[in-house]
Amino acid sequence: MLDAQALADRYVAAWNEPDAARRSSALAALWAPDAPGHGWASGYSARTSLTPAAPGKPAGREGVRYRAAPTARLRGDVVTFRWEMVLANGETVLASGLEFLILDDDGRILVEHPFAA
């Protein structure tokens, strides 16, 4: 059985990865290769360009990192979890939201619906 919290943690870790090659690999492991995506990105390969991180900088956003709240849930083929964007060297929450992920039979992401609060 899929561990929803482990998936949520891997998801935010991918966005935090400063190395483009490792980020691409992490995203490839999460997403189904033929995931349709949104109008702004299609499948995991397009998502690698959404996080152009400079070396040593998390997810291309200087001074911030993402974390998943420890409340991820799995219902059928859907995983939901809350996330927070915090200062890299602290706990100040700058933004938060909800991720709604639809998975394929292998537990890889087919569709993402992010909601920012």
C-alpha atoms as a PDB file:
ATOM      1  CA  MET A   1       0.000   0.000   0.000  1.00  0.00           C
ATOM      2  CA  LEU A   2       1.190   3.482  -0.855  1.00  0.00           C
ATOM      3  CA  ASP A   3       2.415   5.641   2.027  1.00  0.00           C
ATOM      4  CA  ALA A   4       0.755   9.029   1.416  1.00  0.00           C
ATOM      5  CA  GLN A   5       3.083  10.894   3.784  1.00  0.00           C
ATOM      6  CA  ALA A   6       6.188   9.449   2.147  1.00  0.00           C
ATOM      7  CA  LEU A   7       4.868  10.589  -1.242  1.00  0.00           C
ATOM      8  CA  ALA A   8       4.148  14.091   0.117  1.00  0.00           C
ATOM      9  CA  ASP A   9       7.634  14.294   1.628  1.00  0.00           C
ATOM     10  CA  ARG A  10       9.255  13.174  -1.647  1.00  0.00           C
ATOM     11  CA  TYR A  11       7.140  15.687  -3.560  1.00  0.00           C
ATOM     12  CA  VAL A  12       8.300  18.695  -1.519  1.00  0.00           C
ATOM     13  CA  ALA A  13      11.872  17.367  -1.432  1.00  0.00           C
ATOM     14  CA  ALA A  14      11.880  17.455  -5.238  1.00  0.00           C
ATOM     15  CA  TRP A  15      10.880  21.137  -5.229  1.00  0.00           C
ATOM     16  CA  ASN A  16      13.585  21.862  -2.644  1.00  0.00           C
ATOM     17  CA  GLU A  17      16.355  20.150  -4.622  1.00  0.00           C
ATOM     18  CA  PRO A  18      18.884  22.775  -5.801  1.00  0.00           C
ATOM     19  CA  ASP A  19      20.693  20.495  -8.270  1.00  0.00           C
ATOM     20  CA  ALA A  20      18.874  20.456 -11.638  1.00  0.00           C
ATOM     21  CA  ALA A  21      19.871  16.876 -12.528  1.00  0.00           C
ATOM     22  CA  ARG A  22      18.841  15.466  -9.149  1.00  0.00           C
ATOM     23  CA  ARG A  23      15.608  17.511  -9.223  1.00  0.00           C
ATOM     24  CA  SER A  24      14.811  16.140 -12.678  1.00  0.00           C
ATOM     25  CA  SER A  25      15.454  12.596 -11.467  1.00  0.00           C
ATOM     26  CA  ALA A  26      13.285  13.116  -8.380  1.00  0.00           C
ATOM     27  CA  LEU A  27      10.441  14.502 -10.476  1.00  0.00           C
ATOM     28  CA  ALA A  28      10.752  11.647 -12.958  1.00  0.00           C
ATOM     29  CA  ALA A  29      10.360   9.166 -10.108  1.00  0.00           C
ATOM     30  CA  LEU A  30       7.202  10.923  -8.880  1.00  0.00           C
ATOM     31  CA  TRP A  31       5.357  11.606 -12.128  1.00  0.00           C
ATOM     32  CA  ALA A  32       3.901   9.227 -14.659  1.00  0.00           C
ATOM     33  CA  PRO A  33       5.855   9.936 -17.881  1.00  0.00           C
ATOM     34  CA  ASP A  34       2.667  10.550 -19.862  1.00  0.00           C
ATOM     35  CA  ALA A  35       0.953  12.729 -17.234  1.00  0.00           C
ATOM     36  CA  PRO A  36      -1.106  15.372 -19.052  1.00  0.00           C
ATOM     37  CA  GLY A  37      -0.357  18.177 -16.584  1.00  0.00           C
ATOM     38  CA  HIS A  38      -1.850  21.649 -16.780  1.00  0.00           C
ATOM     39  CA  GLY A  39      -1.705  24.303 -19.421  1.00  0.00           C
ATOM     40  CA  TRP A  40       1.464  25.592 -17.753  1.00  0.00           C
ATOM     41  CA  ALA A  41       3.329  22.264 -17.850  1.00  0.00           C
ATOM     42  CA  SER A  42       2.812  18.825 -19.315  1.00  0.00           C
ATOM     43  CA  GLY A  43       4.194  15.765 -17.565  1.00  0.00           C
ATOM     44  CA  TYR A  44       7.239  15.579 -15.326  1.00  0.00           C
ATOM     45  CA  SER A  45       9.743  16.614 -18.000  1.00  0.00           C
ATOM     46  CA  ALA A  46       8.157  20.052 -18.357  1.00  0.00           C
ATOM     47  CA  ARG A  47       8.024  20.475 -14.585  1.00  0.00           C
ATOM     48  CA  THR A  48      11.809  20.298 -14.329  1.00  0.00           C
ATOM     49  CA  SER A  49      11.942  23.691 -16.028  1.00  0.00           C
ATOM     50  CA  LEU A  50       9.555  25.191 -13.467  1.00  0.00           C
ATOM     51  CA  THR A  51      12.197  25.100 -10.747  1.00  0.00           C
ATOM     52  CA  PRO A  52      15.344  26.638 -12.212  1.00  0.00           C
ATOM     53  CA  ALA A  53      17.425  26.525  -9.059  1.00  0.00           C
ATOM     54  CA  ALA A  54      20.801  28.154  -8.902  1.00  0.00           C
ATOM     55  CA  PRO A  55      23.503  26.034  -7.246  1.00  0.00           C
ATOM     56  CA  GLY A  56      22.978  25.981  -3.489  1.00  0.00           C
ATOM     57  CA  LYS A  57      19.577  27.638  -3.672  1.00  0.00           C
ATOM     58  CA  PRO A  58      16.399  25.637  -2.905  1.00  0.00           C
ATOM     59  CA  ALA A  59      13.930  25.355  -5.788  1.00  0.00           C
ATOM     60  CA  GLY A  60      15.198  28.522  -7.407  1.00  0.00           C
ATOM     61  CA  ARG A  61      13.845  30.666  -4.605  1.00  0.00           C
ATOM     62  CA  GLU A  62      16.571  32.130  -2.519  1.00  0.00           C
ATOM     63  CA  GLY A  63      15.977  31.803   1.206  1.00  0.00           C
ATOM     64  CA  VAL A  64      12.899  29.560   1.186  1.00  0.00           C
ATOM     65  CA  ARG A  65      12.106  25.854   1.382  1.00  0.00           C
ATOM     66  CA  TYR A  66       8.941  23.768   1.276  1.00  0.00           C
ATOM     67  CA  ARG A  67       7.678  21.217   3.745  1.00  0.00           C
ATOM     68  CA  ALA A  68       4.708  18.877   3.874  1.00  0.00           C
ATOM     69  CA  ALA A  69       2.477  18.864   6.917  1.00  0.00           C
ATOM     70  CA  PRO A  70       2.352  15.420   8.580  1.00  0.00           C
ATOM     71  CA  THR A  71      -1.302  14.877   7.637  1.00  0.00           C
ATOM     72  CA  ALA A  72      -1.165  13.398   4.110  1.00  0.00           C
ATOM     73  CA  ARG A  73      -4.112  11.168   3.213  1.00  0.00           C
ATOM     74  CA  LEU A  74      -4.727   8.506   0.605  1.00  0.00           C
ATOM     75  CA  ARG A  75      -8.261   7.851  -0.655  1.00  0.00           C
ATOM     76  CA  GLY A  76      -8.418   5.466  -3.587  1.00  0.00           C
ATOM     77  CA  ASP A  77      -6.153   6.982  -6.242  1.00  0.00           C
ATOM     78  CA  VAL A  78      -6.013  10.440  -4.621  1.00  0.00           C
ATOM     79  CA  VAL A  79      -3.432  11.844  -2.202  1.00  0.00           C
ATOM     80  CA  THR A  80      -4.025  15.148  -0.459  1.00  0.00           C
ATOM     81  CA  PHE A  81      -1.630  17.037   1.764  1.00  0.00           C
ATOM     82  CA  ARG A  82      -0.979  20.514   3.066  1.00  0.00           C
ATOM     83  CA  TRP A  83       2.319  22.243   2.372  1.00  0.00           C
ATOM     84  CA  GLU A  84       4.094  25.308   3.680  1.00  0.00           C
ATOM     85  CA  MET A  85       6.750  27.576   2.217  1.00  0.00           C
ATOM     86  CA  VAL A  86       9.033  28.683   5.054  1.00  0.00           C
ATOM     87  CA  LEU A  87      12.192  30.719   5.430  1.00  0.00           C
ATOM     88  CA  ALA A  88      15.146  28.432   4.758  1.00  0.00           C
ATOM     89  CA  ASN A  89      16.798  29.163   8.082  1.00  0.00           C
ATOM     90  CA  GLY A  90      13.700  29.399  10.225  1.00  0.00           C
ATOM     91  CA  GLU A  91      10.116  28.457  10.784  1.00  0.00           C
ATOM     92  CA  THR A  92       8.353  31.590   9.518  1.00  0.00           C
ATOM     93  CA  VAL A  93       5.569  30.471   7.172  1.00  0.00           C
ATOM     94  CA  LEU A  94       5.414  32.645   4.057  1.00  0.00           C
ATOM     95  CA  ALA A  95       2.701  30.727   2.188  1.00  0.00           C
ATOM     96  CA  SER A  96       0.712  27.519   2.480  1.00  0.00           C
ATOM     97  CA  GLY A  97      -1.608  25.435   0.424  1.00  0.00           C
ATOM     98  CA  LEU A  98      -3.145  22.097  -0.398  1.00  0.00           C
ATOM     99  CA  GLU A  99      -2.000  19.576  -2.994  1.00  0.00           C
ATOM    100  CA  PHE A 100      -4.502  17.229  -4.588  1.00  0.00           C
ATOM    101  CA  LEU A 101      -2.727  14.486  -6.553  1.00  0.00           C
ATOM    102  CA  ILE A 102      -4.364  11.825  -8.709  1.00  0.00           C
ATOM    103  CA  LEU A 103      -2.165   8.742  -9.065  1.00  0.00           C
ATOM    104  CA  ASP A 104      -1.846   5.992 -11.635  1.00  0.00           C
ATOM    105  CA  ASP A 105      -1.891   2.291 -10.773  1.00  0.00           C
ATOM    106  CA  ASP A 106       1.846   2.409 -10.005  1.00  0.00           C
ATOM    107  CA  GLY A 107       1.447   5.245  -7.475  1.00  0.00           C
ATOM    108  CA  ARG A 108       2.907   7.905  -9.791  1.00  0.00           C
ATOM    109  CA  ILE A 109       1.300  11.311 -10.236  1.00  0.00           C
ATOM    110  CA  LEU A 110      -1.002  11.737 -13.217  1.00  0.00           C
ATOM    111  CA  VAL A 111      -2.668  15.024 -12.292  1.00  0.00           C
ATOM    112  CA  GLU A 112      -1.844  17.735  -9.795  1.00  0.00           C
ATOM    113  CA  HIS A 113      -4.252  20.337  -8.461  1.00  0.00           C
ATOM    114  CA  PRO A 114      -2.381  22.830  -6.243  1.00  0.00           C
ATOM    115  CA  PHE A 115      -4.336  25.279  -4.106  1.00  0.00           C
ATOM    116  CA  ALA A 116      -2.486  28.147  -2.419  1.00  0.00           C
ATOM    117  CA  ALA A 117      -3.974  29.688   0.686  1.00  0.00           C
END
